[in-house]
């Protein structure tokens, strides 16, 4: 177990459960964005999350917003994110514990897909929402 050295503002509350999930974050110092990045959760509870970031987080960070890729999708296949925000309770280089001020599940942004359009001159790929096949053929 790694000892946390900084920001001993709150005691950990509740049981933590091991859960490794990818996330992106925005780090704040006194309400101002100071850093953005990615990482992986290590443990999660009903009151907070312990994470490992891909890079060292600025030592002045006192609040974080995490968008965690949730492992279960909706019935129609739509992916979810658990978005949490709160103060940094403990921090040591790339290891952090964030307690929850607020949290909510959001649907994850869908990436623009592509469709294959076969024309007389060969196949072309068009992003959804771009030119139609008939207008592409005229080009």
Protein backbone atom coordinates (compact mmCIF):
# COMPACT_ATOMS: atom_id res chain seq x y z
CA UNK A 1 0.00 0.00 0.00
CA UNK A 2 1.31 3.44 -0.91
CA UNK A 3 1.33 6.13 1.76
CA UNK A 4 -0.19 9.43 0.72
CA UNK A 5 1.88 12.42 1.79
CA UNK A 6 -0.06 15.58 0.93
CA UNK A 7 -3.56 17.05 1.34
CA UNK A 8 -4.60 15.16 4.47
CA UNK A 9 -7.84 17.11 4.61
CA UNK A 10 -10.36 14.29 5.00
CA UNK A 11 -10.34 10.79 6.35
CA UNK A 12 -11.30 8.02 3.95
CA UNK A 13 -14.89 7.01 4.56
CA UNK A 14 -16.44 3.66 3.70
CA UNK A 15 -15.04 0.52 2.16
CA UNK A 16 -13.04 0.78 -1.05
CA UNK A 17 -13.32 -1.89 -3.74
CA UNK A 18 -10.67 -2.65 -6.36
CA UNK A 19 -11.86 -1.49 -9.77
CA UNK A 20 -9.56 -0.59 -12.67
CA UNK A 21 -11.26 1.75 -15.13
CA UNK A 22 -9.86 4.31 -17.57
CA UNK A 23 -10.65 7.98 -16.94
CA UNK A 24 -9.86 11.49 -18.10
CA UNK A 25 -9.54 14.37 -15.65
CA UNK A 26 -9.47 18.10 -15.27
CA UNK A 27 -7.45 19.37 -12.29
CA UNK A 28 -8.19 22.69 -10.59
CA UNK A 29 -6.35 25.00 -8.23
CA UNK A 30 -8.60 27.55 -6.54
CA UNK A 31 -11.22 27.14 -9.28
CA UNK A 32 -8.81 27.53 -12.22
CA UNK A 33 -7.96 24.69 -14.61
CA UNK A 34 -4.27 23.85 -14.24
CA UNK A 35 -4.01 20.45 -15.91
CA UNK A 36 -5.82 17.81 -17.96
CA UNK A 37 -4.88 14.20 -18.39
CA UNK A 38 -5.77 10.52 -18.16
CA UNK A 39 -5.30 7.64 -15.80
CA UNK A 40 -6.79 4.52 -14.26
CA UNK A 41 -8.84 4.05 -11.13
CA UNK A 42 -7.41 1.73 -8.46
CA UNK A 43 -10.25 1.60 -5.93
CA UNK A 44 -13.71 3.12 -5.61
CA UNK A 45 -16.20 3.59 -2.79
CA UNK A 46 -19.53 5.34 -2.34
CA UNK A 47 -17.69 8.45 -1.13
CA UNK A 48 -14.50 8.63 -3.19
CA UNK A 49 -12.07 7.13 -5.66
CA UNK A 50 -8.36 6.35 -5.56
CA UNK A 51 -6.62 6.84 -8.89
CA UNK A 52 -3.27 6.65 -10.64
CA UNK A 53 -2.69 9.34 -13.26
CA UNK A 54 -0.53 8.83 -16.33
CA UNK A 55 1.62 11.84 -15.37
CA UNK A 56 2.42 13.70 -12.16
CA UNK A 57 -0.28 16.11 -11.13
CA UNK A 58 0.59 19.69 -10.19
CA UNK A 59 1.19 19.86 -6.43
CA UNK A 60 -1.18 22.84 -6.07
CA UNK A 61 -4.22 20.91 -7.32
CA UNK A 62 -7.00 20.98 -4.74
CA UNK A 63 -9.99 19.78 -6.76
CA UNK A 64 -10.55 17.33 -9.63
CA UNK A 65 -13.25 16.38 -12.09
CA UNK A 66 -13.03 12.80 -13.38
CA UNK A 67 -14.91 11.22 -16.29
CA UNK A 68 -14.65 7.47 -15.61
CA UNK A 69 -15.49 4.98 -18.37
CA UNK A 70 -18.20 2.84 -16.75
CA UNK A 71 -17.98 -0.92 -17.50
CA UNK A 72 -21.73 -1.46 -18.07
CA UNK A 73 -23.63 0.01 -21.03
CA UNK A 74 -27.32 0.79 -21.34
CA UNK A 75 -29.61 -1.83 -22.91
CA UNK A 76 -29.23 -0.21 -26.34
CA UNK A 77 -25.42 -0.38 -26.12
CA UNK A 78 -24.89 3.28 -25.23
CA UNK A 79 -21.74 3.61 -23.13
CA UNK A 80 -21.79 5.44 -19.80
CA UNK A 81 -19.38 7.62 -17.86
CA UNK A 82 -19.40 8.22 -14.13
CA UNK A 83 -18.53 11.91 -13.80
CA UNK A 84 -17.35 12.87 -10.31
CA UNK A 85 -16.05 16.10 -8.85
CA UNK A 86 -14.55 16.84 -5.49
CA UNK A 87 -11.56 17.83 -3.40
CA UNK A 88 -8.25 16.01 -3.43
CA UNK A 89 -8.11 14.24 -0.07
CA UNK A 90 -4.64 12.75 -0.50
CA UNK A 91 -1.96 13.07 -3.18
CA UNK A 92 1.50 11.65 -3.86
CA UNK A 93 2.95 12.20 -7.37
CA UNK A 94 0.68 10.14 -9.66
CA UNK A 95 -1.49 8.65 -6.86
CA UNK A 96 -4.54 10.57 -5.68
CA UNK A 97 -7.68 10.15 -3.65
CA UNK A 98 -10.66 12.30 -4.61
CA UNK A 99 -13.73 12.48 -2.40
CA UNK A 100 -17.11 13.08 -4.02
CA UNK A 101 -18.85 16.44 -3.78
CA UNK A 102 -21.05 15.52 -6.67
CA UNK A 103 -21.41 12.65 -9.11
CA UNK A 104 -23.64 11.64 -12.00
CA UNK A 105 -23.85 9.11 -14.78
CA UNK A 106 -23.73 10.55 -18.29
CA UNK A 107 -23.91 8.94 -21.67
CA UNK A 108 -20.49 8.84 -23.30
CA UNK A 109 -20.03 10.80 -26.52
CA UNK A 110 -20.40 8.63 -29.59
CA UNK A 111 -17.65 8.79 -32.13
CA UNK A 112 -18.59 9.71 -35.65
CA UNK A 113 -18.81 6.50 -37.63
CA UNK A 114 -18.22 6.06 -41.27
CA UNK A 115 -20.14 4.32 -44.00
CA UNK A 116 -18.74 2.76 -47.13
CA UNK A 117 -20.15 4.09 -50.38
CA UNK A 118 -19.39 2.09 -53.51
CA UNK A 119 -19.19 4.23 -56.63
CA UNK A 120 -18.28 3.31 -60.19
CA UNK A 121 -14.67 4.38 -59.61
CA UNK A 122 -14.28 2.36 -56.40
CA UNK A 123 -15.16 2.53 -52.70
CA UNK A 124 -15.07 5.79 -50.77
CA UNK A 125 -15.50 6.33 -47.07
CA UNK A 126 -17.75 9.13 -45.91
CA UNK A 127 -18.29 10.26 -42.36
CA UNK A 128 -21.91 10.11 -41.31
CA UNK A 129 -23.58 13.44 -41.92
CA UNK A 130 -21.24 14.41 -44.75
CA UNK A 131 -22.01 14.48 -48.47
CA UNK A 132 -24.50 11.95 -49.79
CA UNK A 133 -23.38 9.23 -52.19
CA UNK A 134 -25.06 10.97 -55.13
CA UNK A 135 -23.31 14.29 -54.47
CA UNK A 136 -20.01 12.47 -53.84
CA UNK A 137 -20.37 10.77 -57.23
CA UNK A 138 -20.67 14.16 -58.89
CA UNK A 139 -17.34 15.29 -57.48
